[in-house]
Amino acid sequence: MNTLSITLPDTLHAFVQQQATRHGCGSGEYLCQLVTREQEREALRALLLDGAASSPAAPVDAAYFERLRAQVHRHTATGAQE
């Protein structure tokens, strides 16, 4: 694991300290959680944009779910025999 040192204005530093205390962690752990959430948000955004740019798929209707249930049933039955 690497170490990162940052300088914050007093007001921002106080805010980070308050939030860390509120969340029951240290300031470093709190900032790490923020960065992780941002990574997850960007990954989700990329997935949504990819989905929006993709071509239309078949509609998800009752027949779709019936086929899905049948597939799961076949898979479960096959796994039970092994």
PDB file of N, CA and C in Angstrom:
ATOM      1  N   MET A   1       0.851  -1.171   0.000  1.00  0.00           N
ATOM      2  CA  MET A   1       0.000   0.000   0.000  1.00  0.00           C
ATOM      3  C   MET A   1       0.895   1.231   0.000  1.00  0.00           C
ATOM      4  N   ASN A   2       0.498   2.239  -0.749  1.00  0.00           N
ATOM      5  CA  ASN A   2       1.253   3.482  -0.839  1.00  0.00           C
ATOM      6  C   ASN A   2       0.669   4.531   0.087  1.00  0.00           C
ATOM      7  N   THR A   3       1.495   5.517   0.402  1.00  0.00           N
ATOM      8  CA  THR A   3       1.070   6.636   1.241  1.00  0.00           C
ATOM      9  C   THR A   3       0.954   7.876   0.381  1.00  0.00           C
ATOM     10  N   LEU A   4      -0.080   8.675   0.637  1.00  0.00           N
ATOM     11  CA  LEU A   4      -0.306   9.911  -0.087  1.00  0.00           C
ATOM     12  C   LEU A   4      -0.484  11.022   0.940  1.00  0.00           C
ATOM     13  N   SER A   5       0.307  12.043   0.842  1.00  0.00           N
ATOM     14  CA  SER A   5       0.173  13.191   1.745  1.00  0.00           C
ATOM     15  C   SER A   5      -0.497  14.326   0.990  1.00  0.00           C
ATOM     16  N   ILE A   6      -1.505  14.942   1.621  1.00  0.00           N
ATOM     17  CA  ILE A   6      -2.190  16.067   0.999  1.00  0.00           C
ATOM     18  C   ILE A   6      -2.281  17.210   1.998  1.00  0.00           C
ATOM     19  N   THR A   7      -2.361  18.410   1.473  1.00  0.00           N
ATOM     20  CA  THR A   7      -2.546  19.602   2.288  1.00  0.00           C
ATOM     21  C   THR A   7      -3.944  20.127   2.035  1.00  0.00           C
ATOM     22  N   LEU A   8      -4.690  20.346   3.110  1.00  0.00           N
ATOM     23  CA  LEU A   8      -6.063  20.833   3.007  1.00  0.00           C
ATOM     24  C   LEU A   8      -6.190  22.164   3.719  1.00  0.00           C
ATOM     25  N   PRO A   9      -7.053  23.037   3.219  1.00  0.00           N
ATOM     26  CA  PRO A   9      -7.363  24.253   3.971  1.00  0.00           C
ATOM     27  C   PRO A   9      -7.999  23.853   5.313  1.00  0.00           C
ATOM     28  N   ASP A  10      -7.877  24.718   6.302  1.00  0.00           N
ATOM     29  CA  ASP A  10      -8.372  24.408   7.640  1.00  0.00           C
ATOM     30  C   ASP A  10      -9.838  23.982   7.644  1.00  0.00           C
ATOM     31  N   THR A  11     -10.669  24.679   6.892  1.00  0.00           N
ATOM     32  CA  THR A  11     -12.100  24.351   6.893  1.00  0.00           C
ATOM     33  C   THR A  11     -12.354  22.964   6.312  1.00  0.00           C
ATOM     34  N   LEU A  12     -11.647  22.631   5.252  1.00  0.00           N
ATOM     35  CA  LEU A  12     -11.815  21.311   4.645  1.00  0.00           C
ATOM     36  C   LEU A  12     -11.259  20.226   5.557  1.00  0.00           C
ATOM     37  N   HIS A  13     -10.142  20.485   6.186  1.00  0.00           N
ATOM     38  CA  HIS A  13      -9.551  19.533   7.125  1.00  0.00           C
ATOM     39  C   HIS A  13     -10.516  19.259   8.275  1.00  0.00           C
ATOM     40  N   ALA A  14     -11.130  20.310   8.803  1.00  0.00           N
ATOM     41  CA  ALA A  14     -12.095  20.153   9.888  1.00  0.00           C
ATOM     42  C   ALA A  14     -13.286  19.314   9.428  1.00  0.00           C
ATOM     43  N   PHE A  15     -13.739  19.561   8.214  1.00  0.00           N
ATOM     44  CA  PHE A  15     -14.863  18.795   7.677  1.00  0.00           C
ATOM     45  C   PHE A  15     -14.500  17.317   7.569  1.00  0.00           C
ATOM     46  N   VAL A  16     -13.322  17.013   7.045  1.00  0.00           N
ATOM     47  CA  VAL A  16     -12.882  15.620   6.901  1.00  0.00           C
ATOM     48  C   VAL A  16     -12.808  14.964   8.272  1.00  0.00           C
ATOM     49  N   GLN A  17     -12.265  15.664   9.248  1.00  0.00           N
ATOM     50  CA  GLN A  17     -12.165  15.121  10.599  1.00  0.00           C
ATOM     51  C   GLN A  17     -13.553  14.842  11.176  1.00  0.00           C
ATOM     52  N   GLN A  18     -14.483  15.775  10.997  1.00  0.00           N
ATOM     53  CA  GLN A  18     -15.848  15.586  11.500  1.00  0.00           C
ATOM     54  C   GLN A  18     -16.518  14.382  10.847  1.00  0.00           C
ATOM     55  N   GLN A  19     -16.367  14.278   9.540  1.00  0.00           N
ATOM     56  CA  GLN A  19     -16.986  13.170   8.815  1.00  0.00           C
ATOM     57  C   GLN A  19     -16.369  11.835   9.224  1.00  0.00           C
ATOM     58  N   ALA A  20     -15.062  11.820   9.379  1.00  0.00           N
ATOM     59  CA  ALA A  20     -14.389  10.589   9.790  1.00  0.00           C
ATOM     60  C   ALA A  20     -14.888  10.148  11.167  1.00  0.00           C
ATOM     61  N   THR A  21     -14.991  11.096  12.083  1.00  0.00           N
ATOM     62  CA  THR A  21     -15.506  10.782  13.419  1.00  0.00           C
ATOM     63  C   THR A  21     -16.938  10.282  13.324  1.00  0.00           C
ATOM     64  N   ARG A  22     -17.734  10.956  12.530  1.00  0.00           N
ATOM     65  CA  ARG A  22     -19.140  10.577  12.348  1.00  0.00           C
ATOM     66  C   ARG A  22     -19.278   9.162  11.805  1.00  0.00           C
ATOM     67  N   HIS A  23     -18.356   8.781  10.922  1.00  0.00           N
ATOM     68  CA  HIS A  23     -18.403   7.453  10.301  1.00  0.00           C
ATOM     69  C   HIS A  23     -17.592   6.415  11.077  1.00  0.00           C
ATOM     70  N   GLY A  24     -17.002   6.828  12.180  1.00  0.00           N
ATOM     71  CA  GLY A  24     -16.277   5.891  13.032  1.00  0.00           C
ATOM     72  C   GLY A  24     -14.977   5.380  12.452  1.00  0.00           C
ATOM     73  N   CYS A  25     -14.257   6.247  11.760  1.00  0.00           N
ATOM     74  CA  CYS A  25     -12.989   5.831  11.173  1.00  0.00           C
ATOM     75  C   CYS A  25     -12.002   6.988  11.225  1.00  0.00           C
ATOM     76  N   GLY A  26     -10.787   6.738  10.801  1.00  0.00           N
ATOM     77  CA  GLY A  26      -9.791   7.792  10.727  1.00  0.00           C
ATOM     78  C   GLY A  26      -9.953   8.593   9.446  1.00  0.00           C
ATOM     79  N   SER A  27      -9.288   9.713   9.394  1.00  0.00           N
ATOM     80  CA  SER A  27      -9.417  10.575   8.219  1.00  0.00           C
ATOM     81  C   SER A  27      -8.878   9.899   6.958  1.00  0.00           C
ATOM     82  N   GLY A  28      -7.799   9.145   7.086  1.00  0.00           N
ATOM     83  CA  GLY A  28      -7.255   8.440   5.929  1.00  0.00           C
ATOM     84  C   GLY A  28      -8.218   7.402   5.391  1.00  0.00           C
ATOM     85  N   GLU A  29      -8.846   6.650   6.303  1.00  0.00           N
ATOM     86  CA  GLU A  29      -9.818   5.639   5.887  1.00  0.00           C
ATOM     87  C   GLU A  29     -11.042   6.300   5.248  1.00  0.00           C
ATOM     88  N   TYR A  30     -11.475   7.420   5.813  1.00  0.00           N
ATOM     89  CA  TYR A  30     -12.616   8.146   5.251  1.00  0.00           C
ATOM     90  C   TYR A  30     -12.313   8.603   3.824  1.00  0.00           C
ATOM     91  N   LEU A  31     -11.137   9.183   3.620  1.00  0.00           N
ATOM     92  CA  LEU A  31     -10.765   9.640   2.277  1.00  0.00           C
ATOM     93  C   LEU A  31     -10.644   8.464   1.311  1.00  0.00           C
ATOM     94  N   CYS A  32     -10.134   7.343   1.795  1.00  0.00           N
ATOM     95  CA  CYS A  32     -10.039   6.143   0.955  1.00  0.00           C
ATOM     96  C   CYS A  32     -11.434   5.686   0.537  1.00  0.00           C
ATOM     97  N   GLN A  33     -12.407   5.729   1.465  1.00  0.00           N
ATOM     98  CA  GLN A  33     -13.779   5.362   1.140  1.00  0.00           C
ATOM     99  C   GLN A  33     -14.362   6.300   0.086  1.00  0.00           C
ATOM    100  N   LEU A  34     -14.057   7.593   0.194  1.00  0.00           N
ATOM    101  CA  LEU A  34     -14.544   8.549  -0.797  1.00  0.00           C
ATOM    102  C   LEU A  34     -13.991   8.246  -2.185  1.00  0.00           C
ATOM    103  N   VAL A  35     -12.711   7.948  -2.245  1.00  0.00           N
ATOM    104  CA  VAL A  35     -12.088   7.653  -3.534  1.00  0.00           C
ATOM    105  C   VAL A  35     -12.665   6.357  -4.112  1.00  0.00           C
ATOM    106  N   THR A  36     -12.865   5.364  -3.257  1.00  0.00           N
ATOM    107  CA  THR A  36     -13.449   4.102  -3.714  1.00  0.00           C
ATOM    108  C   THR A  36     -14.853   4.326  -4.263  1.00  0.00           C
ATOM    109  N   ARG A  37     -15.660   5.125  -3.567  1.00  0.00           N
ATOM    110  CA  ARG A  37     -17.011   5.429  -4.062  1.00  0.00           C
ATOM    111  C   ARG A  37     -16.966   6.135  -5.410  1.00  0.00           C
ATOM    112  N   GLU A  38     -15.999   7.021  -5.576  1.00  0.00           N
ATOM    113  CA  GLU A  38     -15.871   7.724  -6.864  1.00  0.00           C
ATOM    114  C   GLU A  38     -15.503   6.743  -7.969  1.00  0.00           C
ATOM    115  N   GLN A  39     -14.614   5.792  -7.671  1.00  0.00           N
ATOM    116  CA  GLN A  39     -14.269   4.766  -8.663  1.00  0.00           C
ATOM    117  C   GLN A  39     -15.505   3.963  -9.050  1.00  0.00           C
ATOM    118  N   GLU A  40     -16.288   3.560  -8.061  1.00  0.00           N
ATOM    119  CA  GLU A  40     -17.497   2.790  -8.326  1.00  0.00           C
ATOM    120  C   GLU A  40     -18.501   3.610  -9.135  1.00  0.00           C
ATOM    121  N   ARG A  41     -18.630   4.890  -8.816  1.00  0.00           N
ATOM    122  CA  ARG A  41     -19.546   5.771  -9.543  1.00  0.00           C
ATOM    123  C   ARG A  41     -19.127   5.892 -11.006  1.00  0.00           C
ATOM    124  N   GLU A  42     -17.831   6.052 -11.242  1.00  0.00           N
ATOM    125  CA  GLU A  42     -17.342   6.157 -12.620  1.00  0.00           C
ATOM    126  C   GLU A  42     -17.531   4.852 -13.382  1.00  0.00           C
ATOM    127  N   ALA A  43     -17.322   3.716 -12.702  1.00  0.00           N
ATOM    128  CA  ALA A  43     -17.524   2.422 -13.354  1.00  0.00           C
ATOM    129  C   ALA A  43     -18.991   2.245 -13.722  1.00  0.00           C
ATOM    130  N   LEU A  44     -19.896   2.611 -12.822  1.00  0.00           N
ATOM    131  CA  LEU A  44     -21.320   2.525 -13.110  1.00  0.00           C
ATOM    132  C   LEU A  44     -21.702   3.447 -14.262  1.00  0.00           C
ATOM    133  N   ARG A  45     -21.159   4.649 -14.263  1.00  0.00           N
ATOM    134  CA  ARG A  45     -21.437   5.599 -15.345  1.00  0.00           C
ATOM    135  C   ARG A  45     -20.998   5.027 -16.691  1.00  0.00           C
ATOM    136  N   ALA A  46     -19.810   4.413 -16.707  1.00  0.00           N
ATOM    137  CA  ALA A  46     -19.309   3.815 -17.947  1.00  0.00           C
ATOM    138  C   ALA A  46     -20.235   2.695 -18.420  1.00  0.00           C
ATOM    139  N   LEU A  47     -20.714   1.869 -17.489  1.00  0.00           N
ATOM    140  CA  LEU A  47     -21.637   0.797 -17.860  1.00  0.00           C
ATOM    141  C   LEU A  47     -22.945   1.357 -18.417  1.00  0.00           C
ATOM    142  N   LEU A  48     -23.450   2.407 -17.775  1.00  0.00           N
ATOM    143  CA  LEU A  48     -24.689   3.017 -18.253  1.00  0.00           C
ATOM    144  C   LEU A  48     -24.518   3.633 -19.634  1.00  0.00           C
ATOM    145  N   LEU A  49     -23.392   4.300 -19.854  1.00  0.00           N
ATOM    146  CA  LEU A  49     -23.136   4.890 -21.165  1.00  0.00           C
ATOM    147  C   LEU A  49     -22.967   3.808 -22.227  1.00  0.00           C
ATOM    148  N   ASP A  50     -22.279   2.709 -21.881  1.00  0.00           N
ATOM    149  CA  ASP A  50     -22.147   1.589 -22.821  1.00  0.00           C
ATOM    150  C   ASP A  50     -23.519   1.021 -23.167  1.00  0.00           C
ATOM    151  N   GLY A  51     -24.367   0.870 -22.151  1.00  0.00           N
ATOM    152  CA  GLY A  51     -25.707   0.347 -22.381  1.00  0.00           C
ATOM    153  C   GLY A  51     -26.527   1.275 -23.254  1.00  0.00           C
ATOM    154  N   ALA A  52     -26.412   2.574 -23.001  1.00  0.00           N
ATOM    155  CA  ALA A  52     -27.166   3.547 -23.786  1.00  0.00           C
ATOM    156  C   ALA A  52     -26.697   3.561 -25.240  1.00  0.00           C
ATOM    157  N   ALA A  53     -25.420   3.290 -25.463  1.00  0.00           N
ATOM    158  CA  ALA A  53     -24.872   3.322 -26.821  1.00  0.00           C
ATOM    159  C   ALA A  53     -25.067   2.000 -27.564  1.00  0.00           C
ATOM    160  N   SER A  54     -25.465   0.951 -26.846  1.00  0.00           N
ATOM    161  CA  SER A  54     -25.602  -0.353 -27.499  1.00  0.00           C
ATOM    162  C   SER A  54     -26.907  -0.427 -28.288  1.00  0.00           C
ATOM    163  N   SER A  55     -26.949  -1.399 -29.163  1.00  0.00           N
ATOM    164  CA  SER A  55     -28.168  -1.573 -29.961  1.00  0.00           C
ATOM    165  C   SER A  55     -29.268  -2.170 -29.085  1.00  0.00           C
ATOM    166  N   PRO A  56     -30.504  -1.952 -29.462  1.00  0.00           N
ATOM    167  CA  PRO A  56     -31.620  -2.461 -28.665  1.00  0.00           C
ATOM    168  C   PRO A  56     -31.581  -3.980 -28.553  1.00  0.00           C
ATOM    169  N   ALA A  57     -31.999  -4.472 -27.418  1.00  0.00           N
ATOM    170  CA  ALA A  57     -32.053  -5.916 -27.183  1.00  0.00           C
ATOM    171  C   ALA A  57     -33.496  -6.382 -27.279  1.00  0.00           C
ATOM    172  N   ALA A  58     -33.669  -7.673 -27.183  1.00  0.00           N
ATOM    173  CA  ALA A  58     -35.020  -8.241 -27.198  1.00  0.00           C
ATOM    174  C   ALA A  58     -35.761  -7.779 -25.944  1.00  0.00           C
ATOM    175  N   PRO A  59     -37.059  -7.599 -26.041  1.00  0.00           N
ATOM    176  CA  PRO A  59     -37.815  -7.161 -24.870  1.00  0.00           C
ATOM    177  C   PRO A  59     -37.790  -8.201 -23.752  1.00  0.00           C
ATOM    178  N   VAL A  60     -37.792  -7.723 -22.531  1.00  0.00           N
ATOM    179  CA  VAL A  60     -37.852  -8.607 -21.366  1.00  0.00           C
ATOM    180  C   VAL A  60     -39.323  -8.728 -21.005  1.00  0.00           C
ATOM    181  N   ASP A  61     -39.897  -9.879 -21.370  1.00  0.00           N
ATOM    182  CA  ASP A  61     -41.318 -10.107 -21.131  1.00  0.00           C
ATOM    183  C   ASP A  61     -41.491 -11.430 -20.397  1.00  0.00           C
ATOM    184  N   ALA A  62     -42.719 -11.875 -20.276  1.00  0.00           N
ATOM    185  CA  ALA A  62     -43.011 -13.114 -19.555  1.00  0.00           C
ATOM    186  C   ALA A  62     -42.290 -14.304 -20.189  1.00  0.00           C
ATOM    187  N   ALA A  63     -42.228 -14.345 -21.515  1.00  0.00           N
ATOM    188  CA  ALA A  63     -41.555 -15.450 -22.203  1.00  0.00           C
ATOM    189  C   ALA A  63     -40.065 -15.482 -21.866  1.00  0.00           C
ATOM    190  N   TYR A  64     -39.470 -14.323 -21.766  1.00  0.00           N
ATOM    191  CA  TYR A  64     -38.050 -14.234 -21.399  1.00  0.00           C
ATOM    192  C   TYR A  64     -37.824 -14.886 -20.039  1.00  0.00           C
ATOM    193  N   PHE A  65     -38.666 -14.543 -19.064  1.00  0.00           N
ATOM    194  CA  PHE A  65     -38.495 -15.092 -17.721  1.00  0.00           C
ATOM    195  C   PHE A  65     -38.788 -16.589 -17.681  1.00  0.00           C
ATOM    196  N   GLU A  66     -39.717 -17.057 -18.498  1.00  0.00           N
ATOM    197  CA  GLU A  66     -39.972 -18.496 -18.576  1.00  0.00           C
ATOM    198  C   GLU A  66     -38.736 -19.229 -19.104  1.00  0.00           C
ATOM    199  N   ARG A  67     -38.118 -18.680 -20.156  1.00  0.00           N
ATOM    200  CA  ARG A  67     -36.887 -19.293 -20.685  1.00  0.00           C
ATOM    201  C   ARG A  67     -35.786 -19.264 -19.640  1.00  0.00           C
ATOM    202  N   LEU A  68     -35.679 -18.186 -18.901  1.00  0.00           N
ATOM    203  CA  LEU A  68     -34.663 -18.066 -17.865  1.00  0.00           C
ATOM    204  C   LEU A  68     -34.897 -19.100 -16.762  1.00  0.00           C
ATOM    205  N   ARG A  69     -36.144 -19.245 -16.332  1.00  0.00           N
ATOM    206  CA  ARG A  69     -36.470 -20.246 -15.310  1.00  0.00           C
ATOM    207  C   ARG A  69     -36.132 -21.662 -15.800  1.00  0.00           C
ATOM    208  N   ALA A  70     -36.455 -21.950 -17.045  1.00  0.00           N
ATOM    209  CA  ALA A  70     -36.156 -23.267 -17.610  1.00  0.00           C
ATOM    210  C   ALA A  70     -34.650 -23.503 -17.638  1.00  0.00           C
ATOM    211  N   GLN A  71     -33.895 -22.501 -18.002  1.00  0.00           N
ATOM    212  CA  GLN A  71     -32.438 -22.622 -18.039  1.00  0.00           C
ATOM    213  C   GLN A  71     -31.889 -22.882 -16.637  1.00  0.00           C
ATOM    214  N   VAL A  72     -32.375 -22.160 -15.650  1.00  0.00           N
ATOM    215  CA  VAL A  72     -31.928 -22.360 -14.269  1.00  0.00           C
ATOM    216  C   VAL A  72     -32.319 -23.751 -13.799  1.00  0.00           C
ATOM    217  N   HIS A  73     -33.526 -24.184 -14.133  1.00  0.00           N
ATOM    218  CA  HIS A  73     -33.984 -25.511 -13.743  1.00  0.00           C
ATOM    219  C   HIS A  73     -33.087 -26.601 -14.345  1.00  0.00           C
ATOM    220  N   ARG A  74     -32.770 -26.460 -15.646  1.00  0.00           N
ATOM    221  CA  ARG A  74     -31.880 -27.434 -16.296  1.00  0.00           C
ATOM    222  C   ARG A  74     -30.513 -27.430 -15.634  1.00  0.00           C
ATOM    223  N   HIS A  75     -29.990 -26.258 -15.349  1.00  0.00           N
ATOM    224  CA  HIS A  75     -28.666 -26.140 -14.720  1.00  0.00           C
ATOM    225  C   HIS A  75     -28.673 -26.760 -13.329  1.00  0.00           C
ATOM    226  N   THR A  76     -29.731 -26.495 -12.575  1.00  0.00           N
ATOM    227  CA  THR A  76     -29.843 -27.047 -11.217  1.00  0.00           C
ATOM    228  C   THR A  76     -29.961 -28.559 -11.269  1.00  0.00           C
ATOM    229  N   ALA A  77     -30.754 -29.062 -12.193  1.00  0.00           N
ATOM    230  CA  ALA A  77     -30.926 -30.515 -12.323  1.00  0.00           C
ATOM    231  C   ALA A  77     -29.620 -31.175 -12.736  1.00  0.00           C
ATOM    232  N   THR A  78     -28.865 -30.570 -13.619  1.00  0.00           N
ATOM    233  CA  THR A  78     -27.579 -31.105 -14.057  1.00  0.00           C
ATOM    234  C   THR A  78     -26.585 -31.095 -12.910  1.00  0.00           C
ATOM    235  N   GLY A  79     -26.564 -30.006 -12.150  1.00  0.00           N
ATOM    236  CA  GLY A  79     -25.647 -29.905 -11.015  1.00  0.00           C
ATOM    237  C   GLY A  79     -25.960 -30.897  -9.925  1.00  0.00           C
ATOM    238  N   ALA A  80     -27.242 -31.212  -9.740  1.00  0.00           N
ATOM    239  CA  ALA A  80     -27.641 -32.162  -8.709  1.00  0.00           C
ATOM    240  C   ALA A  80     -27.201 -33.583  -9.040  1.00  0.00           C
ATOM    241  N   GLN A  81     -27.045 -33.884 -10.344  1.00  0.00           N
ATOM    242  CA  GLN A  81     -26.657 -35.231 -10.761  1.00  0.00           C
ATOM    243  C   GLN A  81     -25.161 -35.462 -10.632  1.00  0.00           C
ATOM    244  N   GLU A  82     -24.370 -34.400 -10.539  1.00  0.00           N
ATOM    245  CA  GLU A  82     -22.905 -34.538 -10.531  1.00  0.00           C
ATOM    246  C   GLU A  82     -22.402 -35.037  -9.241  1.00  0.00           C
TER     247      GLU A  82
END
